[in-house]
Amino acid sequence: MTHEVVDRVEEMGSELAALADENEKLGKLSDRTVELLRSAGVIRLLQPKEFGGYCAHPRDFAEAVMAVARHDGAAGWVSGVVGVHPWELAQLDPRLAHEVWDENPDTWIASPYMPNGIADPVDGGYVLSGRWPFSSGSDHCGWDFLGALVGDGKGRPAGPISVLHVVLPRSDYEIIDGTWDVVGLAGTGSKDVVVDKAFIPEYRTIRQEKVQEGTAAEEVGLTEILYKLPFSSMFPLGITAAVVGICEGALAVHLSQQRDRVAVTGVQVRDDPYVLYAAGEAAAEIAASRVQLIDGISRLYDQAEAGKPITIEDRANVRRNQVRCAWRAVSALDEIFARSGGNASRRGNPIQRFWRDAHVGLQHMIHVPGSAYHANALAQMGLELPESMRVLI
């Protein structure tokens, strides 16, 4: 059964699509787009019910992100990135969830998680400084998840390396305008954020390995299956779902435009077997990406629900397939874009924006195939993964 949030997204789809060009020109989501996403409840799908969320199956989250991205790639991307943060926030000290959501359950949290800052230990917490690029949707978020290296008290990383995820209110960081000038996903507003000696209470932090291994939820008393899943499976889910949804949107535009197009040869495209063959094959490849992505996270959910451990090999298989889903879908999009005719390149044609958005989405580090495939092969052989590879598996 389709989740009610997905149904609401479909109902507002035409308006989301109509706003996509405005979002690109603004370099961030418009207030109206954000209003639509809030009213649909997309960002609350993985939020605990106690704080106004749905605590939904991750499959429903992925399907909602795809539904948004089919109409506007940037809105889908923000939904996928920002939408996973309530899942992690639920696993931190409950005091933080009350701070963020008690007054407004629709408060959004941005990121990025890359450890670009130094968190020096002090009494009661840490002092954080650093600069982080790629903070998607930050203009519309009241808090930010940031990655940081534990410091030595002098602004340098302490040894051995230890990574924290820390959460800051909007008053503790600066969003740097003009730092998101890109050829695709421009509407995500993924700007740089800067922190200068902000105090972070201990309860607003979590060791990366705890959320990575899926053990944080038990420490704070969460019993829902959703929160027992590993970060390396949940975080990529929303991002890849956005890319797949973007490709679905491009396919829909392509088919609509080819229905009555006449090629320069005078032949109607509906009678051109080569273009139609490519469209049919692309549709199958994009559909396969959707199915495989949802299947992977659903299998992990089923394992956790059955009380079975989620092994490194299980996680590596899901990551391998998740990466492949993105590349398969974008490769299929390339095939139809190349056969969409010269008008596909016009700024007013939405297919060129979908094409650009998809390729920029593929640039995210969770879509890099080399390390994911390498780690998966090692795991399948029963061999130990290097520590650097385990971080994203």
Protein backbone atom coordinates (compact mmCIF):
# COMPACT_ATOMS: atom_id res chain seq x y z
CA MET A 1 0.00 0.00 0.00
CA THR A 2 1.30 3.45 -0.91
CA HIS A 3 2.11 5.64 2.08
CA GLU A 4 -0.10 8.70 2.56
CA VAL A 5 2.90 11.00 2.21
CA VAL A 6 3.65 9.59 -1.24
CA ASP A 7 0.00 10.14 -2.21
CA ARG A 8 0.20 13.77 -1.08
CA VAL A 9 3.39 14.33 -3.06
CA GLU A 10 1.71 12.99 -6.20
CA GLU A 11 -1.25 15.31 -5.65
CA MET A 12 1.03 18.35 -5.54
CA GLY A 13 3.35 17.09 -8.28
CA SER A 14 2.36 19.58 -10.96
CA GLU A 15 3.02 22.54 -8.65
CA LEU A 16 6.38 21.11 -7.57
CA ALA A 17 7.34 20.77 -11.23
CA ALA A 18 6.22 24.31 -12.00
CA LEU A 19 8.49 25.67 -9.25
CA ALA A 20 11.62 23.79 -10.38
CA ASP A 21 12.95 26.55 -12.67
CA GLU A 22 12.45 29.18 -9.97
CA ASN A 23 14.40 27.05 -7.48
CA GLU A 24 17.28 26.71 -9.93
CA LYS A 25 17.41 30.46 -10.51
CA LEU A 26 17.22 31.19 -6.76
CA GLY A 27 20.04 28.75 -6.04
CA LYS A 28 17.90 27.29 -3.24
CA LEU A 29 14.40 25.94 -2.72
CA SER A 30 11.68 28.58 -2.88
CA ASP A 31 9.57 29.21 0.20
CA ARG A 32 6.58 27.72 -1.62
CA THR A 33 8.45 24.50 -2.45
CA VAL A 34 9.44 24.15 1.20
CA GLU A 35 5.85 24.82 2.24
CA LEU A 36 4.68 21.99 -0.03
CA LEU A 37 7.28 19.55 1.30
CA ARG A 38 6.36 20.41 4.89
CA SER A 39 2.66 19.97 4.22
CA ALA A 40 3.27 16.61 2.56
CA GLY A 41 5.28 15.42 5.56
CA VAL A 42 8.25 14.09 3.56
CA ILE A 43 10.89 15.19 6.08
CA ARG A 44 8.94 13.65 8.99
CA LEU A 45 8.78 10.13 7.55
CA LEU A 46 11.76 8.86 9.59
CA GLN A 47 11.00 11.06 12.63
CA PRO A 48 9.84 9.37 15.86
CA LYS A 49 6.09 9.39 16.43
CA GLU A 50 6.67 11.01 19.82
CA PHE A 51 7.80 14.13 17.98
CA GLY A 52 5.14 14.24 15.28
CA GLY A 53 6.79 11.86 12.82
CA TYR A 54 5.68 8.68 11.09
CA CYS A 55 8.54 6.33 12.06
CA ALA A 56 7.85 4.87 8.62
CA HIS A 57 9.42 1.93 6.84
CA PRO A 58 12.53 3.17 4.96
CA ARG A 59 10.90 1.87 1.77
CA ASP A 60 8.19 4.52 2.16
CA PHE A 61 10.85 7.18 2.66
CA ALA A 62 12.66 6.16 -0.53
CA GLU A 63 9.42 6.14 -2.51
CA ALA A 64 8.49 9.61 -1.24
CA VAL A 65 11.91 11.01 -2.20
CA MET A 66 11.59 9.48 -5.67
CA ALA A 67 8.12 10.97 -6.04
CA VAL A 68 9.41 14.47 -5.23
CA ALA A 69 12.49 14.11 -7.46
CA ARG A 70 10.35 13.04 -10.45
CA HIS A 71 8.93 16.57 -10.45
CA ASP A 72 11.93 18.59 -9.21
CA GLY A 73 15.38 17.07 -8.77
CA ALA A 74 16.55 19.71 -6.31
CA ALA A 75 13.50 19.30 -4.07
CA GLY A 76 13.96 15.53 -4.21
CA TRP A 77 17.61 15.85 -3.26
CA VAL A 78 16.86 18.04 -0.25
CA SER A 79 14.11 15.62 0.76
CA GLY A 80 16.54 12.72 0.62
CA VAL A 81 19.35 14.43 2.51
CA VAL A 82 17.42 16.44 5.10
CA GLY A 83 14.86 13.67 5.44
CA VAL A 84 17.34 11.18 6.89
CA HIS A 85 18.49 13.49 9.69
CA PRO A 86 15.46 12.92 11.96
CA TRP A 87 16.39 9.21 11.85
CA GLU A 88 19.82 9.94 13.32
CA LEU A 89 18.68 12.68 15.69
CA ALA A 90 16.34 10.18 17.33
CA GLN A 91 19.40 8.15 18.36
CA LEU A 92 21.10 10.95 20.26
CA ASP A 93 20.36 12.07 23.81
CA PRO A 94 16.57 12.70 24.02
CA ARG A 95 17.22 16.19 25.36
CA LEU A 96 18.29 17.22 21.88
CA ALA A 97 15.13 15.96 20.18
CA HIS A 98 13.07 18.01 22.64
CA GLU A 99 15.16 21.09 21.86
CA VAL A 100 14.70 20.67 18.13
CA TRP A 101 11.08 19.52 17.84
CA ASP A 102 9.07 20.46 20.93
CA GLU A 103 8.05 23.85 19.58
CA ASN A 104 7.90 22.84 15.91
CA PRO A 105 7.91 19.21 14.72
CA ASP A 106 8.58 20.51 11.21
CA THR A 107 11.99 21.91 12.12
CA TRP A 108 14.55 20.73 9.55
CA ILE A 109 18.18 19.76 10.13
CA ALA A 110 20.90 20.13 7.48
CA SER A 111 24.34 18.49 7.26
CA PRO A 112 27.22 17.58 5.95
CA TYR A 113 28.93 14.81 7.87
CA MET A 114 32.43 15.13 6.43
CA PRO A 115 34.84 15.73 9.35
CA ASN A 116 35.97 19.19 8.24
CA GLY A 117 36.12 20.65 11.75
CA ILE A 118 38.06 20.14 14.96
CA ALA A 119 36.11 19.58 18.19
CA ASP A 120 38.42 20.33 21.10
CA PRO A 121 37.28 18.74 24.39
CA VAL A 122 36.34 21.13 27.21
CA ASP A 123 34.31 20.75 30.39
CA GLY A 124 30.83 19.56 29.45
CA GLY A 125 31.45 19.17 25.73
CA TYR A 126 33.58 20.52 22.90
CA VAL A 127 34.58 23.76 21.19
CA LEU A 128 34.12 23.43 17.43
CA SER A 129 35.64 25.33 14.52
CA GLY A 130 35.71 24.57 10.81
CA ARG A 131 34.18 25.06 7.39
CA TRP A 132 31.91 22.57 5.62
CA PRO A 133 30.73 22.67 1.97
CA PHE A 134 27.59 21.02 0.59
CA SER A 135 25.06 21.85 3.33
CA SER A 136 21.95 21.07 1.28
CA GLY A 137 18.78 22.94 2.15
CA SER A 138 20.58 24.92 4.85
CA ASP A 139 18.62 28.15 4.24
CA HIS A 140 15.47 26.38 5.43
CA CYS A 141 16.97 24.46 8.35
CA GLY A 142 17.13 25.46 12.00
CA TRP A 143 19.97 23.08 12.94
CA ASP A 144 22.95 21.42 11.25
CA PHE A 145 24.60 18.00 11.61
CA LEU A 146 28.36 18.36 11.12
CA GLY A 147 31.24 15.92 11.13
CA ALA A 148 34.27 16.74 13.28
CA LEU A 149 37.54 15.20 14.41
CA VAL A 150 38.10 15.09 18.16
CA GLY A 151 40.89 17.58 18.85
CA ASP A 152 43.92 17.59 21.10
CA GLY A 153 42.90 20.82 22.82
CA LYS A 154 45.09 22.90 20.52
CA GLY A 155 43.02 22.86 17.36
CA ARG A 156 44.66 19.76 15.90
CA PRO A 157 43.27 16.22 15.52
CA ALA A 158 44.03 13.97 18.47
CA GLY A 159 45.35 10.47 17.94
CA PRO A 160 44.01 7.94 17.33
CA ILE A 161 41.53 9.59 14.96
CA SER A 162 38.00 9.75 16.34
CA VAL A 163 35.04 11.19 14.41
CA LEU A 164 32.01 12.87 15.96
CA HIS A 165 28.67 13.88 14.52
CA VAL A 166 27.67 17.11 16.24
CA VAL A 167 24.45 19.11 16.08
CA LEU A 168 24.35 22.91 16.18
CA PRO A 169 21.49 25.42 16.30
CA ARG A 170 21.32 28.02 13.52
CA SER A 171 22.72 30.70 15.83
CA ASP A 172 26.05 28.82 16.09
CA TYR A 173 27.01 28.68 12.40
CA GLU A 174 27.11 31.01 9.41
CA ILE A 175 25.76 30.12 5.97
CA ILE A 176 28.05 31.56 3.28
CA ASP A 177 26.07 32.88 0.32
CA GLY A 178 27.65 32.60 -3.11
CA THR A 179 29.28 29.25 -2.41
CA TRP A 180 26.86 27.13 -4.47
CA ASP A 181 27.42 28.02 -8.13
CA VAL A 182 26.95 24.74 -9.98
CA VAL A 183 25.69 23.22 -13.23
CA GLY A 184 23.17 20.87 -11.62
CA LEU A 185 21.09 20.57 -8.46
CA ALA A 186 21.44 24.34 -8.16
CA GLY A 187 18.12 24.56 -6.37
CA THR A 188 19.40 22.53 -3.41
CA GLY A 189 21.21 25.56 -1.98
CA SER A 190 24.06 23.33 -0.80
CA LYS A 191 26.11 26.21 0.56
CA ASP A 192 29.18 26.29 2.81
CA VAL A 193 28.69 26.70 6.55
CA VAL A 194 31.30 28.08 8.94
CA VAL A 195 31.66 27.57 12.69
CA ASP A 196 34.01 29.67 14.81
CA LYS A 197 34.65 28.40 18.34
CA ALA A 198 31.09 27.28 19.11
CA PHE A 199 30.51 25.36 22.33
CA ILE A 200 28.80 21.99 21.73
CA PRO A 201 27.35 20.28 24.82
CA GLU A 202 28.27 16.60 25.07
CA TYR A 203 24.64 15.51 24.64
CA ARG A 204 24.51 17.13 21.18
CA THR A 205 27.23 14.80 19.91
CA ILE A 206 27.56 11.14 19.00
CA ARG A 207 30.54 8.97 18.09
CA GLN A 208 30.35 8.09 14.41
CA GLU A 209 30.95 4.40 15.04
CA LYS A 210 27.84 4.13 17.25
CA VAL A 211 25.47 5.28 14.55
CA GLN A 212 27.53 3.51 11.91
CA GLU A 213 27.14 0.13 13.60
CA GLY A 214 23.47 0.64 14.48
CA THR A 215 24.03 0.43 18.25
CA ALA A 216 23.12 3.98 19.26
CA ALA A 217 19.37 3.34 19.32
CA GLU A 218 19.61 0.71 22.04
CA GLU A 219 21.62 3.05 24.27
CA VAL A 220 18.80 5.61 24.32
CA GLY A 221 16.03 3.03 24.63
CA LEU A 222 14.63 3.08 21.09
CA THR A 223 12.92 -0.18 20.24
CA GLU A 224 11.59 0.56 16.75
CA ILE A 225 13.21 -1.53 14.00
CA LEU A 226 13.82 1.59 11.88
CA TYR A 227 16.47 2.90 14.26
CA LYS A 228 18.41 -0.37 14.39
CA LEU A 229 19.57 -0.04 10.79
CA PRO A 230 23.15 1.05 10.00
CA PHE A 231 23.95 4.61 8.96
CA SER A 232 25.86 3.38 5.89
CA SER A 233 22.62 1.92 4.55
CA MET A 234 20.21 4.67 5.59
CA PHE A 235 22.18 7.78 4.60
CA PRO A 236 22.82 6.70 0.98
CA LEU A 237 19.19 5.61 0.61
CA GLY A 238 17.73 9.10 0.34
CA ILE A 239 20.46 10.37 -1.97
CA THR A 240 20.25 7.49 -4.41
CA ALA A 241 16.44 7.58 -4.28
CA ALA A 242 16.65 11.21 -5.43
CA VAL A 243 18.88 10.27 -8.37
CA VAL A 244 16.58 7.44 -9.41
CA GLY A 245 13.56 9.74 -9.12
CA ILE A 246 15.30 12.37 -11.26
CA CYS A 247 15.85 9.75 -13.96
CA GLU A 248 12.19 8.71 -13.73
CA GLY A 249 11.20 12.34 -14.23
CA ALA A 250 13.47 12.67 -17.26
CA LEU A 251 12.03 9.50 -18.79
CA ALA A 252 8.49 10.81 -18.39
CA VAL A 253 9.40 14.10 -20.11
CA HIS A 254 11.20 12.24 -22.91
CA LEU A 255 8.23 9.98 -23.65
CA SER A 256 5.82 12.90 -23.58
CA GLN A 257 7.90 14.94 -25.99
CA GLN A 258 8.63 12.09 -28.42
CA ARG A 259 4.96 11.20 -28.85
CA ASP A 260 4.38 13.83 -31.55
CA ARG A 261 7.95 14.78 -32.52
CA VAL A 262 8.94 14.64 -36.17
CA ALA A 263 12.63 14.16 -36.90
CA VAL A 264 14.51 16.25 -39.46
CA THR A 265 14.16 13.30 -41.85
CA GLY A 266 10.40 13.77 -41.80
CA VAL A 267 9.85 10.53 -39.91
CA GLN A 268 7.65 10.62 -36.83
CA VAL A 269 9.66 9.44 -33.84
CA ARG A 270 6.84 7.06 -32.89
CA ASP A 271 7.83 5.15 -36.06
CA ASP A 272 11.58 5.18 -35.34
CA PRO A 273 12.45 1.74 -33.89
CA TYR A 274 15.86 2.87 -32.66
CA VAL A 275 14.57 5.71 -30.47
CA LEU A 276 11.75 3.54 -29.16
CA TYR A 277 14.11 0.66 -28.42
CA ALA A 278 16.32 3.00 -26.39
CA ALA A 279 13.31 4.35 -24.51
CA GLY A 280 12.06 0.88 -23.65
CA GLU A 281 15.48 -0.27 -22.49
CA ALA A 282 15.99 2.89 -20.42
CA ALA A 283 12.61 2.43 -18.77
CA ALA A 284 13.57 -1.12 -17.79
CA GLU A 285 16.95 -0.02 -16.40
CA ILE A 286 15.49 2.82 -14.34
CA ALA A 287 12.74 0.55 -13.02
CA ALA A 288 15.38 -2.04 -12.08
CA SER A 289 17.27 0.63 -10.14
CA ARG A 290 14.14 1.52 -8.18
CA VAL A 291 13.37 -2.10 -7.35
CA GLN A 292 16.91 -3.01 -6.33
CA LEU A 293 17.33 0.05 -4.12
CA ILE A 294 14.11 -0.62 -2.23
CA ASP A 295 14.84 -4.34 -2.04
CA GLY A 296 18.20 -3.75 -0.34
CA ILE A 297 16.94 -1.62 2.52
CA SER A 298 13.85 -3.81 2.90
CA ARG A 299 16.00 -6.92 3.33
CA LEU A 300 18.03 -5.24 6.08
CA TYR A 301 14.83 -4.10 7.78
CA ASP A 302 13.46 -7.65 7.66
CA GLN A 303 16.67 -9.02 9.17
CA ALA A 304 16.58 -6.53 12.01
CA GLU A 305 12.91 -7.24 12.60
CA ALA A 306 13.65 -10.97 12.80
CA GLY A 307 16.39 -10.31 15.37
CA LYS A 308 19.14 -11.45 13.00
CA PRO A 309 22.47 -9.60 13.00
CA ILE A 310 23.29 -7.39 10.02
CA THR A 311 26.77 -8.46 8.96
CA ILE A 312 29.49 -6.54 7.15
CA GLU A 313 28.75 -8.64 4.08
CA ASP A 314 25.05 -7.74 4.27
CA ARG A 315 25.92 -4.07 4.46
CA ALA A 316 28.50 -4.34 1.68
CA ASN A 317 25.95 -6.02 -0.61
CA VAL A 318 23.44 -3.24 -0.04
CA ARG A 319 26.06 -0.55 -0.63
CA ARG A 320 27.28 -2.26 -3.83
CA ASN A 321 23.77 -2.43 -5.20
CA GLN A 322 22.90 1.09 -4.09
CA VAL A 323 25.88 2.49 -6.02
CA ARG A 324 25.00 0.41 -9.04
CA CYS A 325 21.39 1.66 -8.93
CA ALA A 326 22.54 5.24 -9.35
CA TRP A 327 24.96 4.52 -12.19
CA ARG A 328 22.48 2.27 -14.01
CA ALA A 329 19.72 4.86 -13.87
CA VAL A 330 21.92 7.76 -15.02
CA SER A 331 23.41 5.68 -17.83
CA ALA A 332 19.87 4.94 -19.00
CA LEU A 333 19.06 8.65 -18.86
CA ASP A 334 22.10 9.37 -21.06
CA GLU A 335 20.75 7.00 -23.70
CA ILE A 336 17.39 8.73 -23.97
CA PHE A 337 18.79 12.25 -23.66
CA ALA A 338 21.03 11.56 -26.66
CA ARG A 339 17.89 10.66 -28.64
CA SER A 340 15.65 13.49 -27.44
CA GLY A 341 16.51 15.86 -30.29
CA GLY A 342 18.17 19.27 -30.40
CA ASN A 343 15.38 20.96 -28.47
CA ALA A 344 16.31 18.90 -25.40
CA SER A 345 19.22 21.29 -24.84
CA ARG A 346 17.08 24.41 -24.58
CA ARG A 347 16.97 25.97 -21.12
CA GLY A 348 13.19 25.92 -21.19
CA ASN A 349 13.08 22.15 -21.66
CA PRO A 350 12.93 20.36 -18.29
CA ILE A 351 14.73 17.28 -19.59
CA GLN A 352 18.06 19.12 -19.73
CA ARG A 353 17.68 20.15 -16.09
CA PHE A 354 16.91 16.57 -15.08
CA TRP A 355 19.99 15.44 -17.04
CA ARG A 356 22.26 17.99 -15.33
CA ASP A 357 20.79 17.26 -11.89
CA ALA A 358 21.29 13.52 -12.33
CA HIS A 359 24.96 13.88 -13.24
CA VAL A 360 25.70 16.19 -10.33
CA GLY A 361 23.88 13.77 -8.04
CA LEU A 362 26.13 11.00 -9.30
CA GLN A 363 29.15 13.02 -8.10
CA HIS A 364 28.25 12.51 -4.44
CA MET A 365 30.87 10.47 -2.64
CA ILE A 366 28.38 7.74 -1.74
CA HIS A 367 28.10 6.98 -5.47
CA VAL A 368 31.83 6.36 -6.00
CA PRO A 369 31.93 2.75 -7.22
CA GLY A 370 35.59 1.84 -6.67
CA SER A 371 35.73 1.55 -2.89
CA ALA A 372 32.18 0.15 -2.59
CA TYR A 373 32.81 -2.62 -5.12
CA HIS A 374 36.27 -3.35 -3.71
CA ALA A 375 34.91 -3.64 -0.17
CA ASN A 376 32.06 -5.84 -1.32
CA ALA A 377 34.42 -8.29 -3.04
CA LEU A 378 36.54 -8.54 0.11
CA ALA A 379 33.47 -9.08 2.27
CA GLN A 380 32.15 -11.81 -0.01
CA MET A 381 35.51 -13.56 0.24
CA GLY A 382 35.30 -13.43 4.02
CA LEU A 383 38.33 -11.15 4.23
CA GLU A 384 38.85 -8.26 6.63
CA LEU A 385 38.05 -4.79 5.31
CA PRO A 386 40.60 -2.02 5.88
CA GLU A 387 39.36 0.47 8.47
CA SER A 388 39.16 3.22 5.82
CA MET A 389 36.66 1.10 3.86
CA ARG A 390 34.49 0.15 6.82
CA VAL A 391 33.45 3.77 7.36
CA LEU A 392 31.08 3.71 4.40
CA ILE A 393 29.99 0.06 4.56
